[in-house]
N, C-alpha and C. Protein backbone atom coordinates (compact mmCIF):
# COMPACT_ATOMS: atom_id res chain seq x y z
N UNK A 1 -181.35 -127.78 47.70
CA UNK A 1 -182.39 -127.97 46.69
C UNK A 1 -182.18 -127.01 45.52
N UNK A 2 -181.75 -125.78 45.85
CA UNK A 2 -181.55 -124.79 44.81
C UNK A 2 -180.42 -125.21 43.86
N UNK A 3 -179.37 -125.81 44.42
CA UNK A 3 -178.25 -126.27 43.60
C UNK A 3 -178.67 -127.40 42.67
N UNK A 4 -179.50 -128.31 43.17
CA UNK A 4 -179.96 -129.42 42.35
C UNK A 4 -180.79 -128.92 41.16
N UNK A 5 -181.64 -127.93 41.40
CA UNK A 5 -182.44 -127.37 40.31
C UNK A 5 -181.54 -126.69 39.28
N UNK A 6 -180.49 -126.01 39.74
CA UNK A 6 -179.55 -125.35 38.83
C UNK A 6 -178.82 -126.38 37.97
N UNK A 7 -178.42 -127.50 38.58
CA UNK A 7 -177.72 -128.56 37.85
C UNK A 7 -178.63 -129.14 36.77
N UNK A 8 -179.89 -129.39 37.09
CA UNK A 8 -180.83 -129.93 36.10
C UNK A 8 -181.07 -128.95 34.97
N UNK A 9 -181.13 -127.66 35.31
CA UNK A 9 -181.34 -126.65 34.28
C UNK A 9 -180.14 -126.62 33.31
N UNK A 10 -178.93 -126.70 33.85
CA UNK A 10 -177.73 -126.70 33.01
C UNK A 10 -177.68 -127.96 32.15
N UNK A 11 -178.01 -129.11 32.74
CA UNK A 11 -178.01 -130.36 31.96
C UNK A 11 -179.03 -130.31 30.83
N UNK A 12 -180.18 -129.73 31.10
CA UNK A 12 -181.21 -129.61 30.05
C UNK A 12 -180.72 -128.70 28.93
N UNK A 13 -180.01 -127.62 29.28
CA UNK A 13 -179.50 -126.72 28.26
C UNK A 13 -178.36 -127.35 27.47
N UNK A 14 -177.61 -128.26 28.10
CA UNK A 14 -176.52 -128.93 27.41
C UNK A 14 -177.02 -130.02 26.47
N UNK A 15 -178.24 -130.47 26.66
CA UNK A 15 -178.78 -131.54 25.81
C UNK A 15 -178.88 -131.08 24.35
N UNK A 16 -179.20 -129.83 24.13
CA UNK A 16 -179.34 -129.33 22.76
C UNK A 16 -178.01 -129.37 22.01
N UNK A 17 -176.90 -128.83 22.57
CA UNK A 17 -175.64 -128.94 21.82
C UNK A 17 -175.19 -130.38 21.61
N UNK A 18 -175.44 -131.25 22.57
CA UNK A 18 -175.04 -132.65 22.41
C UNK A 18 -175.80 -133.29 21.26
N UNK A 19 -177.08 -133.02 21.15
CA UNK A 19 -177.86 -133.56 20.04
C UNK A 19 -177.40 -132.98 18.70
N UNK A 20 -177.03 -131.70 18.69
CA UNK A 20 -176.51 -131.10 17.47
C UNK A 20 -175.18 -131.73 17.06
N UNK A 21 -174.33 -132.02 18.05
CA UNK A 21 -173.05 -132.68 17.76
C UNK A 21 -173.31 -134.05 17.14
N UNK A 22 -174.23 -134.79 17.73
CA UNK A 22 -174.55 -136.12 17.21
C UNK A 22 -175.06 -136.01 15.77
N UNK A 23 -175.98 -135.09 15.51
CA UNK A 23 -176.54 -134.95 14.16
C UNK A 23 -175.47 -134.53 13.17
N UNK A 24 -174.62 -133.58 13.56
CA UNK A 24 -173.56 -133.12 12.66
C UNK A 24 -172.59 -134.25 12.33
N UNK A 25 -172.10 -134.93 13.38
CA UNK A 25 -171.09 -135.96 13.15
C UNK A 25 -171.66 -137.14 12.37
N UNK A 26 -172.92 -137.49 12.63
CA UNK A 26 -173.54 -138.58 11.90
C UNK A 26 -173.68 -138.23 10.41
N UNK A 27 -174.12 -137.01 10.13
CA UNK A 27 -174.27 -136.55 8.75
C UNK A 27 -172.91 -136.49 8.05
N UNK A 28 -171.92 -135.98 8.76
CA UNK A 28 -170.56 -135.90 8.20
C UNK A 28 -170.03 -137.29 7.87
N UNK A 29 -170.24 -138.23 8.81
CA UNK A 29 -169.74 -139.60 8.61
C UNK A 29 -170.44 -140.26 7.44
N UNK A 30 -171.74 -140.05 7.28
CA UNK A 30 -172.47 -140.65 6.16
C UNK A 30 -172.06 -140.02 4.83
N UNK A 31 -171.82 -138.71 4.84
CA UNK A 31 -171.45 -138.01 3.61
C UNK A 31 -170.10 -138.49 3.09
N UNK A 32 -169.14 -138.66 3.99
CA UNK A 32 -167.79 -139.05 3.58
C UNK A 32 -167.52 -140.54 3.79
N UNK A 33 -168.57 -141.29 4.03
CA UNK A 33 -168.49 -142.74 4.12
C UNK A 33 -167.40 -143.18 5.12
N UNK A 34 -167.47 -142.64 6.33
CA UNK A 34 -166.48 -142.96 7.36
C UNK A 34 -166.85 -144.24 8.10
N UNK A 35 -165.84 -144.88 8.62
CA UNK A 35 -166.06 -146.06 9.46
C UNK A 35 -166.57 -145.59 10.82
N UNK A 36 -167.06 -146.52 11.65
CA UNK A 36 -167.49 -146.12 12.99
C UNK A 36 -166.39 -145.43 13.80
N UNK A 37 -165.15 -145.87 13.64
CA UNK A 37 -164.04 -145.23 14.34
C UNK A 37 -163.83 -143.80 13.83
N UNK A 38 -163.95 -143.62 12.53
CA UNK A 38 -163.85 -142.28 11.95
C UNK A 38 -164.97 -141.38 12.45
N UNK A 39 -166.18 -141.95 12.58
CA UNK A 39 -167.31 -141.19 13.10
C UNK A 39 -167.04 -140.75 14.54
N UNK A 40 -166.48 -141.65 15.36
CA UNK A 40 -166.14 -141.28 16.74
C UNK A 40 -165.07 -140.19 16.78
N UNK A 41 -164.10 -140.26 15.87
CA UNK A 41 -163.05 -139.25 15.82
C UNK A 41 -163.63 -137.88 15.45
N UNK A 42 -164.53 -137.85 14.47
CA UNK A 42 -165.17 -136.59 14.08
C UNK A 42 -165.99 -136.04 15.23
N UNK A 43 -166.73 -136.90 15.92
CA UNK A 43 -167.55 -136.47 17.06
C UNK A 43 -166.66 -135.89 18.15
N UNK A 44 -165.56 -136.58 18.47
CA UNK A 44 -164.66 -136.10 19.51
C UNK A 44 -164.05 -134.76 19.14
N UNK A 45 -163.59 -134.61 17.90
CA UNK A 45 -163.00 -133.35 17.47
C UNK A 45 -164.00 -132.21 17.51
N UNK A 46 -165.23 -132.50 17.09
CA UNK A 46 -166.26 -131.47 17.12
C UNK A 46 -166.56 -131.05 18.55
N UNK A 47 -166.67 -132.03 19.45
CA UNK A 47 -166.90 -131.72 20.86
C UNK A 47 -165.76 -130.88 21.43
N UNK A 48 -164.56 -131.26 21.09
CA UNK A 48 -163.39 -130.57 21.61
C UNK A 48 -163.28 -129.14 21.09
N UNK A 49 -163.57 -128.95 19.81
CA UNK A 49 -163.36 -127.65 19.18
C UNK A 49 -164.55 -126.70 19.27
N UNK A 50 -165.75 -127.22 19.42
CA UNK A 50 -166.93 -126.35 19.40
C UNK A 50 -167.65 -126.33 20.76
N UNK A 51 -168.01 -127.47 21.24
CA UNK A 51 -168.81 -127.54 22.47
C UNK A 51 -167.95 -127.21 23.69
N UNK A 52 -166.69 -127.63 23.69
CA UNK A 52 -165.81 -127.34 24.81
C UNK A 52 -165.67 -125.85 25.09
N UNK A 53 -165.26 -125.05 24.11
CA UNK A 53 -165.16 -123.61 24.34
C UNK A 53 -166.51 -122.97 24.69
N UNK A 54 -167.59 -123.47 24.09
CA UNK A 54 -168.92 -122.92 24.41
C UNK A 54 -169.26 -123.13 25.88
N UNK A 55 -169.01 -124.32 26.38
CA UNK A 55 -169.30 -124.62 27.79
C UNK A 55 -168.39 -123.79 28.70
N UNK A 56 -167.12 -123.65 28.33
CA UNK A 56 -166.17 -122.86 29.11
C UNK A 56 -166.63 -121.41 29.22
N UNK A 57 -166.99 -120.79 28.10
CA UNK A 57 -167.42 -119.39 28.11
C UNK A 57 -168.75 -119.24 28.86
N UNK A 58 -169.66 -120.20 28.69
CA UNK A 58 -170.94 -120.13 29.39
C UNK A 58 -170.75 -120.23 30.90
N UNK A 59 -169.88 -121.13 31.35
CA UNK A 59 -169.59 -121.23 32.78
C UNK A 59 -168.96 -119.94 33.30
N UNK A 60 -168.02 -119.40 32.55
CA UNK A 60 -167.36 -118.16 32.96
C UNK A 60 -168.35 -117.00 33.01
N UNK A 61 -169.19 -116.89 32.00
CA UNK A 61 -170.15 -115.79 31.96
C UNK A 61 -171.18 -115.91 33.07
N UNK A 62 -171.60 -117.12 33.36
CA UNK A 62 -172.55 -117.31 34.45
C UNK A 62 -171.92 -116.98 35.80
N UNK A 63 -170.63 -117.31 35.96
CA UNK A 63 -169.93 -116.95 37.19
C UNK A 63 -169.76 -115.44 37.31
N UNK A 64 -169.43 -114.79 36.21
CA UNK A 64 -169.30 -113.33 36.22
C UNK A 64 -170.62 -112.68 36.59
N UNK A 65 -171.72 -113.19 36.03
CA UNK A 65 -173.05 -112.64 36.34
C UNK A 65 -173.37 -112.81 37.82
N UNK A 66 -173.02 -113.95 38.38
CA UNK A 66 -173.27 -114.20 39.80
C UNK A 66 -172.44 -113.24 40.66
N UNK A 67 -171.17 -113.05 40.30
CA UNK A 67 -170.28 -112.20 41.09
C UNK A 67 -170.60 -110.71 40.95
N UNK A 68 -171.25 -110.32 39.86
CA UNK A 68 -171.62 -108.92 39.68
C UNK A 68 -173.08 -108.67 40.07
N UNK A 69 -173.72 -109.68 40.64
CA UNK A 69 -175.12 -109.59 41.07
C UNK A 69 -176.06 -109.21 39.93
N UNK A 70 -175.81 -109.76 38.76
CA UNK A 70 -176.67 -109.55 37.60
C UNK A 70 -177.72 -110.66 37.56
N UNK A 71 -178.95 -110.29 37.32
CA UNK A 71 -180.04 -111.27 37.28
C UNK A 71 -179.92 -112.18 36.06
N UNK A 72 -180.58 -113.31 36.14
CA UNK A 72 -180.70 -114.27 35.03
C UNK A 72 -179.36 -114.81 34.54
N UNK A 73 -178.56 -115.32 35.46
CA UNK A 73 -177.26 -115.88 35.08
C UNK A 73 -177.39 -117.09 34.16
N UNK A 74 -178.54 -117.74 34.17
CA UNK A 74 -178.78 -118.91 33.30
C UNK A 74 -178.76 -118.52 31.83
N UNK A 75 -178.91 -117.24 31.51
CA UNK A 75 -178.91 -116.80 30.12
C UNK A 75 -177.54 -117.02 29.45
N UNK A 76 -176.52 -117.28 30.24
CA UNK A 76 -175.17 -117.52 29.70
C UNK A 76 -175.14 -118.77 28.83
N UNK A 77 -176.09 -119.67 29.02
CA UNK A 77 -176.09 -120.94 28.30
C UNK A 77 -176.88 -120.90 27.00
N UNK A 78 -177.59 -119.82 26.73
CA UNK A 78 -178.45 -119.74 25.56
C UNK A 78 -177.84 -118.77 24.54
N UNK A 79 -177.63 -119.23 23.30
CA UNK A 79 -177.07 -118.32 22.29
C UNK A 79 -177.97 -117.09 22.11
N UNK A 80 -177.38 -115.97 21.83
CA UNK A 80 -177.99 -114.66 21.68
C UNK A 80 -178.39 -114.10 23.05
N UNK A 81 -179.05 -114.91 23.88
CA UNK A 81 -179.39 -114.45 25.23
C UNK A 81 -178.11 -114.21 26.04
N UNK A 82 -177.04 -114.95 25.73
CA UNK A 82 -175.80 -114.71 26.45
C UNK A 82 -175.20 -113.35 26.11
N UNK A 83 -175.45 -112.85 24.91
CA UNK A 83 -175.01 -111.51 24.55
C UNK A 83 -175.82 -110.48 25.33
N UNK A 84 -177.11 -110.73 25.49
CA UNK A 84 -177.95 -109.84 26.29
C UNK A 84 -177.44 -109.81 27.73
N UNK A 85 -177.07 -110.96 28.26
CA UNK A 85 -176.51 -111.02 29.61
C UNK A 85 -175.20 -110.24 29.69
N UNK A 86 -174.35 -110.36 28.68
CA UNK A 86 -173.11 -109.58 28.66
C UNK A 86 -173.40 -108.09 28.67
N UNK A 87 -174.39 -107.67 27.89
CA UNK A 87 -174.77 -106.26 27.87
C UNK A 87 -175.30 -105.81 29.22
N UNK A 88 -176.04 -106.68 29.91
CA UNK A 88 -176.56 -106.34 31.24
C UNK A 88 -175.42 -106.19 32.24
N UNK A 89 -174.44 -107.09 32.18
CA UNK A 89 -173.30 -107.01 33.08
C UNK A 89 -172.51 -105.72 32.82
N UNK A 90 -172.34 -105.39 31.53
CA UNK A 90 -171.59 -104.20 31.14
C UNK A 90 -172.40 -102.92 31.29
N UNK A 91 -173.68 -103.06 31.63
CA UNK A 91 -174.59 -101.92 31.78
C UNK A 91 -174.66 -101.08 30.49
N UNK A 92 -174.83 -101.80 29.39
CA UNK A 92 -175.02 -101.17 28.08
C UNK A 92 -176.46 -101.38 27.64
N UNK A 93 -177.00 -100.50 26.78
CA UNK A 93 -178.40 -100.64 26.36
C UNK A 93 -178.63 -101.89 25.51
N UNK A 94 -179.84 -102.41 25.54
CA UNK A 94 -180.19 -103.63 24.83
C UNK A 94 -180.09 -103.51 23.32
N UNK A 95 -180.25 -102.30 22.77
CA UNK A 95 -180.20 -102.16 21.32
C UNK A 95 -178.80 -102.41 20.77
N UNK A 96 -177.78 -102.45 21.65
CA UNK A 96 -176.43 -102.79 21.20
C UNK A 96 -176.36 -104.21 20.64
N UNK A 97 -177.35 -105.01 20.97
CA UNK A 97 -177.42 -106.37 20.42
C UNK A 97 -177.42 -106.32 18.89
N UNK A 98 -178.06 -105.30 18.32
CA UNK A 98 -178.10 -105.15 16.86
C UNK A 98 -176.72 -104.88 16.28
N UNK A 99 -175.85 -104.24 17.06
CA UNK A 99 -174.50 -103.93 16.57
C UNK A 99 -173.65 -105.18 16.41
N UNK A 100 -174.03 -106.27 17.08
CA UNK A 100 -173.30 -107.52 16.94
C UNK A 100 -173.55 -108.20 15.60
N UNK A 101 -174.51 -107.69 14.82
CA UNK A 101 -174.84 -108.29 13.53
C UNK A 101 -173.83 -107.90 12.45
N UNK A 102 -173.30 -106.69 12.54
CA UNK A 102 -172.47 -106.14 11.47
C UNK A 102 -171.01 -106.55 11.62
N UNK A 103 -170.42 -107.07 10.53
CA UNK A 103 -169.00 -107.46 10.57
C UNK A 103 -168.11 -106.26 10.92
N UNK A 104 -167.04 -106.51 11.56
CA UNK A 104 -166.04 -105.55 12.05
C UNK A 104 -166.60 -104.72 13.21
N UNK A 105 -167.82 -104.20 13.05
CA UNK A 105 -168.45 -103.46 14.15
C UNK A 105 -168.62 -104.38 15.35
N UNK A 106 -168.97 -105.64 15.09
CA UNK A 106 -169.19 -106.57 16.19
C UNK A 106 -167.92 -106.82 16.99
N UNK A 107 -166.77 -106.78 16.34
CA UNK A 107 -165.50 -106.97 17.05
C UNK A 107 -165.25 -105.79 17.98
N UNK A 108 -165.46 -104.59 17.46
CA UNK A 108 -165.26 -103.38 18.27
C UNK A 108 -166.23 -103.37 19.46
N UNK A 109 -167.48 -103.70 19.21
CA UNK A 109 -168.49 -103.70 20.28
C UNK A 109 -168.17 -104.78 21.31
N UNK A 110 -167.73 -105.95 20.85
CA UNK A 110 -167.37 -107.03 21.80
C UNK A 110 -166.22 -106.59 22.70
N UNK A 111 -165.24 -105.91 22.14
CA UNK A 111 -164.11 -105.43 22.95
C UNK A 111 -164.60 -104.40 23.97
N UNK A 112 -165.45 -103.48 23.53
CA UNK A 112 -165.99 -102.47 24.45
C UNK A 112 -166.78 -103.14 25.57
N UNK A 113 -167.62 -104.10 25.22
CA UNK A 113 -168.44 -104.79 26.23
C UNK A 113 -167.55 -105.55 27.21
N UNK A 114 -166.55 -106.28 26.71
CA UNK A 114 -165.67 -107.02 27.62
C UNK A 114 -164.82 -106.09 28.46
N UNK A 115 -164.49 -104.91 27.95
CA UNK A 115 -163.78 -103.92 28.77
C UNK A 115 -164.66 -103.46 29.93
N UNK A 116 -165.95 -103.26 29.66
CA UNK A 116 -166.88 -102.86 30.72
C UNK A 116 -167.13 -104.00 31.70
N UNK A 117 -167.13 -105.25 31.21
CA UNK A 117 -167.28 -106.39 32.10
C UNK A 117 -166.07 -106.48 33.02
N UNK A 118 -164.87 -106.25 32.47
CA UNK A 118 -163.66 -106.24 33.29
C UNK A 118 -163.75 -105.16 34.36
N UNK A 119 -164.25 -104.00 33.98
CA UNK A 119 -164.41 -102.90 34.95
C UNK A 119 -165.42 -103.27 36.03
N UNK A 120 -166.50 -103.95 35.63
CA UNK A 120 -167.52 -104.38 36.60
C UNK A 120 -166.95 -105.39 37.59
N UNK A 121 -165.95 -106.16 37.17
CA UNK A 121 -165.30 -107.14 38.05
C UNK A 121 -164.13 -106.54 38.81
N UNK A 122 -163.84 -105.24 38.58
CA UNK A 122 -162.75 -104.58 39.29
C UNK A 122 -161.39 -104.89 38.70
N UNK A 123 -161.35 -105.26 37.45
CA UNK A 123 -160.09 -105.58 36.76
C UNK A 123 -159.76 -104.45 35.79
N UNK A 124 -158.50 -104.38 35.33
CA UNK A 124 -158.14 -103.33 34.36
C UNK A 124 -158.90 -103.49 33.03
N UNK A 125 -159.21 -102.35 32.41
CA UNK A 125 -159.96 -102.36 31.15
C UNK A 125 -159.25 -103.12 30.04
N UNK A 126 -157.93 -103.10 30.02
CA UNK A 126 -157.19 -103.70 28.91
C UNK A 126 -157.43 -105.18 28.79
N UNK A 127 -158.01 -105.83 29.79
CA UNK A 127 -158.34 -107.25 29.65
C UNK A 127 -159.36 -107.46 28.53
N UNK A 128 -160.21 -106.48 28.31
CA UNK A 128 -161.18 -106.58 27.22
C UNK A 128 -160.53 -106.52 25.86
N UNK A 129 -159.43 -105.77 25.74
CA UNK A 129 -158.71 -105.66 24.47
C UNK A 129 -158.05 -106.99 24.11
N UNK A 130 -157.64 -107.75 25.13
CA UNK A 130 -156.99 -109.04 24.87
C UNK A 130 -157.91 -110.03 24.16
N UNK A 131 -159.20 -109.73 24.14
CA UNK A 131 -160.17 -110.61 23.50
C UNK A 131 -159.85 -110.83 22.02
N UNK A 132 -159.25 -109.85 21.36
CA UNK A 132 -159.00 -109.97 19.92
C UNK A 132 -157.70 -110.70 19.61
N UNK A 133 -156.90 -111.02 20.62
CA UNK A 133 -155.65 -111.75 20.40
C UNK A 133 -155.98 -113.24 20.33
N UNK A 134 -155.61 -113.90 19.22
CA UNK A 134 -155.94 -115.33 19.09
C UNK A 134 -155.39 -116.15 20.26
N UNK A 135 -156.16 -117.11 20.69
CA UNK A 135 -155.89 -118.01 21.81
C UNK A 135 -155.85 -117.30 23.16
N UNK A 136 -155.22 -116.13 23.25
CA UNK A 136 -155.20 -115.39 24.51
C UNK A 136 -156.61 -114.92 24.85
N UNK A 137 -157.41 -114.65 23.82
CA UNK A 137 -158.78 -114.20 24.04
C UNK A 137 -159.63 -115.21 24.79
N UNK A 138 -159.27 -116.48 24.74
CA UNK A 138 -160.02 -117.50 25.49
C UNK A 138 -159.70 -117.46 26.98
N UNK A 139 -158.61 -116.80 27.36
CA UNK A 139 -158.26 -116.69 28.77
C UNK A 139 -159.10 -115.62 29.46
N UNK A 140 -159.50 -114.61 28.71
CA UNK A 140 -160.18 -113.44 29.28
C UNK A 140 -161.43 -113.82 30.08
N UNK A 141 -162.39 -114.58 29.53
CA UNK A 141 -163.58 -114.90 30.33
C UNK A 141 -163.24 -115.68 31.62
N UNK A 142 -162.31 -116.61 31.53
CA UNK A 142 -161.92 -117.38 32.71
C UNK A 142 -161.26 -116.53 33.76
N UNK A 143 -160.38 -115.64 33.34
CA UNK A 143 -159.71 -114.75 34.30
C UNK A 143 -160.71 -113.85 34.99
N UNK A 144 -161.60 -113.25 34.20
CA UNK A 144 -162.59 -112.35 34.79
C UNK A 144 -163.57 -113.09 35.70
N UNK A 145 -163.79 -114.36 35.43
CA UNK A 145 -164.76 -115.12 36.24
C UNK A 145 -164.15 -115.67 37.52
N UNK A 146 -162.96 -116.24 37.43
CA UNK A 146 -162.46 -117.02 38.57
C UNK A 146 -161.27 -116.42 39.29
N UNK A 147 -160.84 -115.22 38.91
CA UNK A 147 -159.77 -114.58 39.67
C UNK A 147 -160.38 -113.79 40.81
N UNK A 148 -159.59 -113.57 41.84
CA UNK A 148 -160.10 -112.82 43.00
C UNK A 148 -160.07 -111.34 42.80
């Protein structure tokens, strides 16, 4: 029963990005006078490039929270709240959320937080530094979540 409730909660949280994708692609198609096939292509590309990585990182972060016994793993699915969850996993103060607002500072803080998340999972700290390497940075959450 607990698993079924978790699945429904995740599906409800995914409804918002799906509706945003629909609204974005419909507006884009109307603006550029695309055919229905063009509209489907824009929708697919948007899903692939935006929603796909979001779901991947949310799943990884929720798994990391579960494995580190951090409360409120569902926060991984909500923007901004997922940063609070990352700070909880890394055992950093909540006011660090404000540091994510400032350009360049947010990159440094994200690396520090992911280094602490790696430490919380028993992995080497340098996995957090890999976050700034293009494309390789997408491997970091998955490795920290699903490796033994």
